[in-house]
C-alpha atoms as a PDB file:
ATOM      1  CA  MET A   1     155.056 207.126  31.514  1.00  0.00           C
ATOM      2  CA  ALA A   2     152.557 207.610  34.226  1.00  0.00           C
ATOM      3  CA  LYS A   3     152.482 210.296  36.841  1.00  0.00           C
ATOM      4  CA  GLY A   4     152.244 209.502  40.489  1.00  0.00           C
ATOM      5  CA  ASN A   5     153.036 211.622  43.512  1.00  0.00           C
ATOM      6  CA  GLY A   6     154.484 214.335  41.347  1.00  0.00           C
ATOM      7  CA  LYS A   7     157.325 212.238  40.144  1.00  0.00           C
ATOM      8  CA  THR A   8     157.890 210.757  36.797  1.00  0.00           C
ATOM      9  CA  GLU A   9     158.034 207.049  36.575  1.00  0.00           C
ATOM     10  CA  VAL A  10     160.776 205.676  34.437  1.00  0.00           C
ATOM     11  CA  ASN A  11     160.697 202.138  33.133  1.00  0.00           C
ATOM     12  CA  LEU A  12     164.234 200.864  32.901  1.00  0.00           C
ATOM     13  CA  ASP A  13     165.847 197.685  31.891  1.00  0.00           C
ATOM     14  CA  LEU A  14     168.077 197.300  34.941  1.00  0.00           C
ATOM     15  CA  ASP A  15     170.336 194.812  33.253  1.00  0.00           C
ATOM     16  CA  ARG A  16     171.361 197.378  30.611  1.00  0.00           C
ATOM     17  CA  GLU A  17     171.440 200.881  32.014  1.00  0.00           C
ATOM     18  CA  LEU A  18     171.042 202.981  35.091  1.00  0.00           C
ATOM     19  CA  PRO A  19     168.954 206.157  35.240  1.00  0.00           C
ATOM     20  CA  ALA A  20     170.750 209.491  35.166  1.00  0.00           C
ATOM     21  CA  ALA A  21     170.853 211.429  38.402  1.00  0.00           C
ATOM     22  CA  GLU A  22     168.051 213.946  38.615  1.00  0.00           C
ATOM     23  CA  ASP A  23     169.295 216.099  41.454  1.00  0.00           C
ATOM     24  CA  GLU A  24     172.261 216.468  43.796  1.00  0.00           C
ATOM     25  CA  GLU A  25     170.613 214.763  46.720  1.00  0.00           C
ATOM     26  CA  GLU A  26     170.535 211.471  44.930  1.00  0.00           C
ATOM     27  CA  THR A  27     174.217 211.710  43.894  1.00  0.00           C
ATOM     28  CA  GLY A  28     175.401 212.437  47.455  1.00  0.00           C
ATOM     29  CA  PRO A  29     175.243 208.883  48.751  1.00  0.00           C
ATOM     30  CA  ILE A  30     176.872 207.578  45.587  1.00  0.00           C
ATOM     31  CA  SER A  31     179.856 209.955  45.940  1.00  0.00           C
ATOM     32  CA  ILE A  32     180.272 209.011  49.611  1.00  0.00           C
ATOM     33  CA  ALA A  33     180.245 205.363  48.631  1.00  0.00           C
ATOM     34  CA  GLY A  34     182.783 206.183  45.889  1.00  0.00           C
ATOM     35  CA  LYS A  35     185.041 207.924  48.402  1.00  0.00           C
ATOM     36  CA  ALA A  36     184.776 204.928  50.730  1.00  0.00           C
ATOM     37  CA  ALA A  37     185.673 202.660  47.841  1.00  0.00           C
ATOM     38  CA  ASP A  38     188.617 204.919  46.958  1.00  0.00           C
ATOM     39  CA  ASP A  39     189.768 204.931  50.618  1.00  0.00           C
ATOM     40  CA  SER A  40     189.500 201.148  50.857  1.00  0.00           C
ATOM     41  CA  ALA A  41     191.354 200.804  47.515  1.00  0.00           C
ATOM     42  CA  ALA A  42     194.058 203.180  48.757  1.00  0.00           C
ATOM     43  CA  SER A  43     194.424 201.293  52.042  1.00  0.00           C
ATOM     44  CA  GLU A  44     194.494 198.017  50.093  1.00  0.00           C
ATOM     45  CA  THR A  45     197.214 199.501  47.841  1.00  0.00           C
ATOM     46  CA  GLU A  46     199.200 200.566  50.909  1.00  0.00           C
ATOM     47  CA  LYS A  47     198.848 197.073  52.386  1.00  0.00           C
ATOM     48  CA  LEU A  48     200.057 195.536  49.121  1.00  0.00           C
ATOM     49  CA  LYS A  49     202.991 197.962  48.953  1.00  0.00           C
ATOM     50  CA  ALA A  50     203.948 197.147  52.538  1.00  0.00           C
ATOM     51  CA  GLU A  51     203.700 193.424  51.794  1.00  0.00           C
ATOM     52  CA  ARG A  52     205.784 193.881  48.633  1.00  0.00           C
ATOM     53  CA  ASP A  53     208.425 195.835  50.576  1.00  0.00           C
ATOM     54  CA  ALA A  54     208.508 193.138  53.275  1.00  0.00           C
ATOM     55  CA  LEU A  55     208.919 190.411  50.647  1.00  0.00           C
ATOM     56  CA  LEU A  56     211.682 192.363  48.863  1.00  0.00           C
ATOM     57  CA  ASP A  57     213.465 192.848  52.182  1.00  0.00           C
ATOM     58  CA  ARG A  58     213.121 189.149  52.942  1.00  0.00           C
ATOM     59  CA  LEU A  59     214.418 188.287  49.464  1.00  0.00           C
ATOM     60  CA  ALA A  60     217.445 190.561  49.942  1.00  0.00           C
ATOM     61  CA  ARG A  61     218.197 188.957  53.316  1.00  0.00           C
ATOM     62  CA  LEU A  62     217.874 185.453  51.896  1.00  0.00           C
ATOM     63  CA  GLN A  63     220.161 186.341  48.999  1.00  0.00           C
ATOM     64  CA  ALA A  64     222.757 187.740  51.418  1.00  0.00           C
ATOM     65  CA  GLU A  65     222.438 184.660  53.621  1.00  0.00           C
ATOM     66  CA  PHE A  66     222.857 182.385  50.592  1.00  0.00           C
ATOM     67  CA  ASP A  67     225.905 184.355  49.438  1.00  0.00           C
ATOM     68  CA  ASN A  68     227.469 184.086  52.915  1.00  0.00           C
ATOM     69  CA  ALA A  69     226.760 180.344  53.015  1.00  0.00           C
ATOM     70  CA  ARG A  70     228.344 179.905  49.583  1.00  0.00           C
ATOM     71  CA  LYS A  71     231.454 181.855  50.623  1.00  0.00           C
ATOM     72  CA  ARG A  72     231.685 179.851  53.852  1.00  0.00           C
ATOM     73  CA  ALA A  73     231.447 176.572  51.898  1.00  0.00           C
ATOM     74  CA  VAL A  74     234.215 177.699  49.506  1.00  0.00           C
ATOM     75  CA  ARG A  75     236.419 178.697  52.455  1.00  0.00           C
ATOM     76  CA  GLU A  76     235.796 175.367  54.215  1.00  0.00           C
ATOM     77  CA  GLN A  77     236.627 173.451  51.026  1.00  0.00           C
ATOM     78  CA  GLN A  78     239.892 175.386  50.687  1.00  0.00           C
ATOM     79  CA  GLU A  79     240.794 174.673  54.320  1.00  0.00           C
ATOM     80  CA  PHE A  80     239.988 170.990  53.812  1.00  0.00           C
ATOM     81  CA  ARG A  81     242.218 170.853  50.728  1.00  0.00           C
ATOM     82  CA  GLU A  82     245.075 172.474  52.632  1.00  0.00           C
ATOM     83  CA  PHE A  83     244.570 170.092  55.542  1.00  0.00           C
ATOM     84  CA  ALA A  84     244.603 167.092  53.202  1.00  0.00           C
ATOM     85  CA  ALA A  85     247.699 168.391  51.398  1.00  0.00           C
ATOM     86  CA  ALA A  86     249.463 168.941  54.721  1.00  0.00           C
ATOM     87  CA  ASP A  87     248.794 165.327  55.643  1.00  0.00           C
ATOM     88  CA  VAL A  88     250.309 164.125  52.350  1.00  0.00           C
ATOM     89  CA  ILE A  89     253.331 166.380  52.688  1.00  0.00           C
ATOM     90  CA  LYS A  90     254.047 165.024  56.181  1.00  0.00           C
ATOM     91  CA  ASN A  91     254.634 161.623  54.570  1.00  0.00           C
ATOM     92  CA  PHE A  92     257.400 163.076  52.369  1.00  0.00           C
ATOM     93  CA  LEU A  93     259.342 164.699  55.189  1.00  0.00           C
ATOM     94  CA  PRO A  94     261.090 161.500  56.377  1.00  0.00           C
ATOM     95  CA  ILE A  95     262.332 161.012  52.805  1.00  0.00           C
ATOM     96  CA  LEU A  96     263.747 164.508  52.849  1.00  0.00           C
ATOM     97  CA  ASP A  97     265.407 163.720  56.181  1.00  0.00           C
ATOM     98  CA  SER A  98     267.018 160.611  54.688  1.00  0.00           C
ATOM     99  CA  PHE A  99     268.413 162.656  51.810  1.00  0.00           C
ATOM    100  CA  GLU A 100     269.905 165.135  54.264  1.00  0.00           C
ATOM    101  CA  ARG A 101     271.501 162.349  56.328  1.00  0.00           C
ATOM    102  CA  ALA A 102     272.881 160.654  53.170  1.00  0.00           C
ATOM    103  CA  LEU A 103     274.425 163.947  52.039  1.00  0.00           C
ATOM    104  CA  LYS A 104     276.098 164.374  55.430  1.00  0.00           C
ATOM    105  CA  ALA A 105     277.363 160.767  55.520  1.00  0.00           C
ATOM    106  CA  VAL A 106     278.954 160.633  52.071  1.00  0.00           C
ATOM    107  CA  GLY A 107     282.603 161.687  52.170  1.00  0.00           C
ATOM    108  CA  ASP A 108     284.448 163.606  49.460  1.00  0.00           C
ATOM    109  CA  SER A 109     287.404 161.157  49.380  1.00  0.00           C
ATOM    110  CA  ASN A 110     286.942 159.379  46.024  1.00  0.00           C
ATOM    111  CA  SER A 111     285.298 160.094  42.641  1.00  0.00           C
ATOM    112  CA  ASN A 112     282.577 157.421  42.962  1.00  0.00           C
ATOM    113  CA  SER A 113     281.335 159.047  46.099  1.00  0.00           C
ATOM    114  CA  ASN A 114     281.451 162.422  44.305  1.00  0.00           C
ATOM    115  CA  ASP A 115     279.190 161.099  41.547  1.00  0.00           C
ATOM    116  CA  PHE A 116     276.884 159.620  44.167  1.00  0.00           C
ATOM    117  CA  ARG A 117     276.895 162.864  46.105  1.00  0.00           C
ATOM    118  CA  ASN A 118     276.136 164.902  42.967  1.00  0.00           C
ATOM    119  CA  GLY A 119     273.213 162.613  42.131  1.00  0.00           C
ATOM    120  CA  ILE A 120     271.830 162.832  45.648  1.00  0.00           C
ATOM    121  CA  GLU A 121     272.238 166.635  45.651  1.00  0.00           C
ATOM    122  CA  LEU A 122     270.350 166.878  42.352  1.00  0.00           C
ATOM    123  CA  ILE A 123     267.455 164.761  43.693  1.00  0.00           C
ATOM    124  CA  TYR A 124     267.488 166.748  46.937  1.00  0.00           C
ATOM    125  CA  ARG A 125     267.269 170.109  45.089  1.00  0.00           C
ATOM    126  CA  GLN A 126     264.483 168.830  42.835  1.00  0.00           C
ATOM    127  CA  PHE A 127     262.552 167.536  45.819  1.00  0.00           C
ATOM    128  CA  GLN A 128     262.964 170.821  47.693  1.00  0.00           C
ATOM    129  CA  ASP A 129     261.887 172.824  44.606  1.00  0.00           C
ATOM    130  CA  ALA A 130     258.768 170.664  44.243  1.00  0.00           C
ATOM    131  CA  LEU A 131     257.887 171.191  47.903  1.00  0.00           C
ATOM    132  CA  GLN A 132     258.518 174.925  47.626  1.00  0.00           C
ATOM    133  CA  LYS A 133     256.175 175.178  44.617  1.00  0.00           C
ATOM    134  CA  ILE A 134     253.302 173.760  46.625  1.00  0.00           C
ATOM    135  CA  GLY A 135     253.977 176.077  49.562  1.00  0.00           C
ATOM    136  CA  VAL A 136     256.214 174.076  51.909  1.00  0.00           C
ATOM    137  CA  GLN A 137     258.895 176.194  53.581  1.00  0.00           C
ATOM    138  CA  PRO A 138     261.667 175.019  55.922  1.00  0.00           C
ATOM    139  CA  ILE A 139     261.890 176.719  59.305  1.00  0.00           C
ATOM    140  CA  VAL A 140     265.203 178.511  59.796  1.00  0.00           C
ATOM    141  CA  SER A 141     266.356 177.648  63.302  1.00  0.00           C
ATOM    142  CA  VAL A 142     270.129 177.802  63.908  1.00  0.00           C
ATOM    143  CA  GLY A 143     271.092 181.061  65.610  1.00  0.00           C
ATOM    144  CA  GLN A 144     267.445 182.121  66.075  1.00  0.00           C
ATOM    145  CA  PRO A 145     265.789 182.704  69.455  1.00  0.00           C
ATOM    146  CA  PHE A 146     264.000 179.602  70.727  1.00  0.00           C
ATOM    147  CA  ASP A 147     260.289 179.763  69.878  1.00  0.00           C
ATOM    148  CA  PRO A 148     258.173 176.959  71.383  1.00  0.00           C
ATOM    149  CA  ARG A 149     255.568 177.431  68.638  1.00  0.00           C
ATOM    150  CA  ILE A 150     258.002 176.271  65.930  1.00  0.00           C
ATOM    151  CA  HIS A 151     260.836 174.583  67.851  1.00  0.00           C
ATOM    152  CA  GLU A 152     260.932 171.443  69.943  1.00  0.00           C
ATOM    153  CA  ALA A 153     263.798 171.568  72.434  1.00  0.00           C
ATOM    154  CA  VAL A 154     265.520 168.210  72.734  1.00  0.00           C
ATOM    155  CA  GLU A 155     268.444 169.343  74.842  1.00  0.00           C
ATOM    156  CA  MET A 156     269.731 172.376  76.702  1.00  0.00           C
ATOM    157  CA  VAL A 157     273.487 172.856  76.179  1.00  0.00           C
ATOM    158  CA  ASP A 158     275.693 174.960  78.436  1.00  0.00           C
ATOM    159  CA  THR A 159     277.779 177.136  76.112  1.00  0.00           C
ATOM    160  CA  THR A 160     279.011 180.669  75.654  1.00  0.00           C
ATOM    161  CA  GLU A 161     279.185 180.449  71.845  1.00  0.00           C
ATOM    162  CA  VAL A 162     275.532 181.399  71.337  1.00  0.00           C
ATOM    163  CA  ALA A 163     273.272 183.777  73.257  1.00  0.00           C
ATOM    164  CA  ASP A 164     271.081 182.369  76.000  1.00  0.00           C
ATOM    165  CA  HIS A 165     267.867 180.637  74.789  1.00  0.00           C
ATOM    166  CA  HIS A 166     268.962 180.658  71.146  1.00  0.00           C
ATOM    167  CA  VAL A 167     269.070 177.589  68.915  1.00  0.00           C
ATOM    168  CA  LEU A 168     272.554 176.096  68.945  1.00  0.00           C
ATOM    169  CA  ASP A 169     272.003 173.156  66.604  1.00  0.00           C
ATOM    170  CA  GLU A 170     269.200 171.653  64.531  1.00  0.00           C
ATOM    171  CA  LEU A 171     268.709 167.882  64.808  1.00  0.00           C
ATOM    172  CA  GLN A 172     265.692 167.704  62.509  1.00  0.00           C
ATOM    173  CA  ARG A 173     264.433 170.507  60.296  1.00  0.00           C
ATOM    174  CA  GLY A 174     260.922 171.832  60.832  1.00  0.00           C
ATOM    175  CA  TYR A 175     258.511 172.781  58.037  1.00  0.00           C
ATOM    176  CA  LYS A 176     255.534 175.025  57.438  1.00  0.00           C
ATOM    177  CA  TYR A 177     252.853 174.719  54.802  1.00  0.00           C
ATOM    178  CA  LYS A 178     251.175 178.050  53.979  1.00  0.00           C
ATOM    179  CA  GLU A 179     251.772 179.401  57.489  1.00  0.00           C
ATOM    180  CA  ARG A 180     250.558 176.127  59.047  1.00  0.00           C
ATOM    181  CA  LEU A 181     253.142 174.247  61.081  1.00  0.00           C
ATOM    182  CA  LEU A 182     253.693 170.781  59.631  1.00  0.00           C
ATOM    183  CA  ARG A 183     256.409 169.757  62.002  1.00  0.00           C
ATOM    184  CA  PRO A 184     258.409 171.687  64.611  1.00  0.00           C
ATOM    185  CA  ALA A 185     262.187 171.770  64.329  1.00  0.00           C
ATOM    186  CA  MET A 186     263.959 169.521  66.827  1.00  0.00           C
ATOM    187  CA  VAL A 187     266.748 171.660  68.250  1.00  0.00           C
ATOM    188  CA  ARG A 188     269.409 172.027  70.913  1.00  0.00           C
ATOM    189  CA  VAL A 189     269.082 175.259  72.838  1.00  0.00           C
ATOM    190  CA  ALA A 190     271.960 177.215  74.316  1.00  0.00           C
ATOM    191  CA  ARG A 191     272.008 178.005  78.005  1.00  0.00           C
ATOM    192  CA  ASN A 192     274.600 180.366  79.420  1.00  0.00           C
ATOM    193  CA  ALA A 193     274.999 182.564  82.421  1.00  0.00           C
ATOM    194  CA  ARG A 194     275.683 185.838  80.577  1.00  0.00           C
ATOM    195  CA  GLY A 195     272.293 185.648  78.644  1.00  0.00           C
END
């Protein structure tokens, strides 16, 4: 070591070690730089936390949006199935009408017609039970107030037997499928002065 200007000269291998601080003045700038580094690290941490919170919020919103889309798709599929089933059921209604007409036409005069009538009644009950199991319900009309949402008025009949604007007679039964109108009931509506 050589002396120069009252200071000791230290030969250091800069790649391996740094000299120890000799007095407080030399450590001052290092501590300020350390504080600046701590402040920048803290602000960087805050930025990362804010970014993380924003990404978590976005993830939660996307998950909720996906869940809503999935529920909407399930609901639309269910509505489509019901719509398709309603279309199929409409094709069976004329058959049901034919059974009802056949039951009305067959007389009770001889035993052959009784056997025929019993067979038709059995088929009719089975058919109605099958329709009821899938959610098809007949609309009760006779004696009920006329409702244009479920009744189709074919004729207005002047009578005092039934109250005014009530269904007097049903020409063709109406049906609902799970609260959806398949076909309105074709009815005769009473019209009287005493209402």
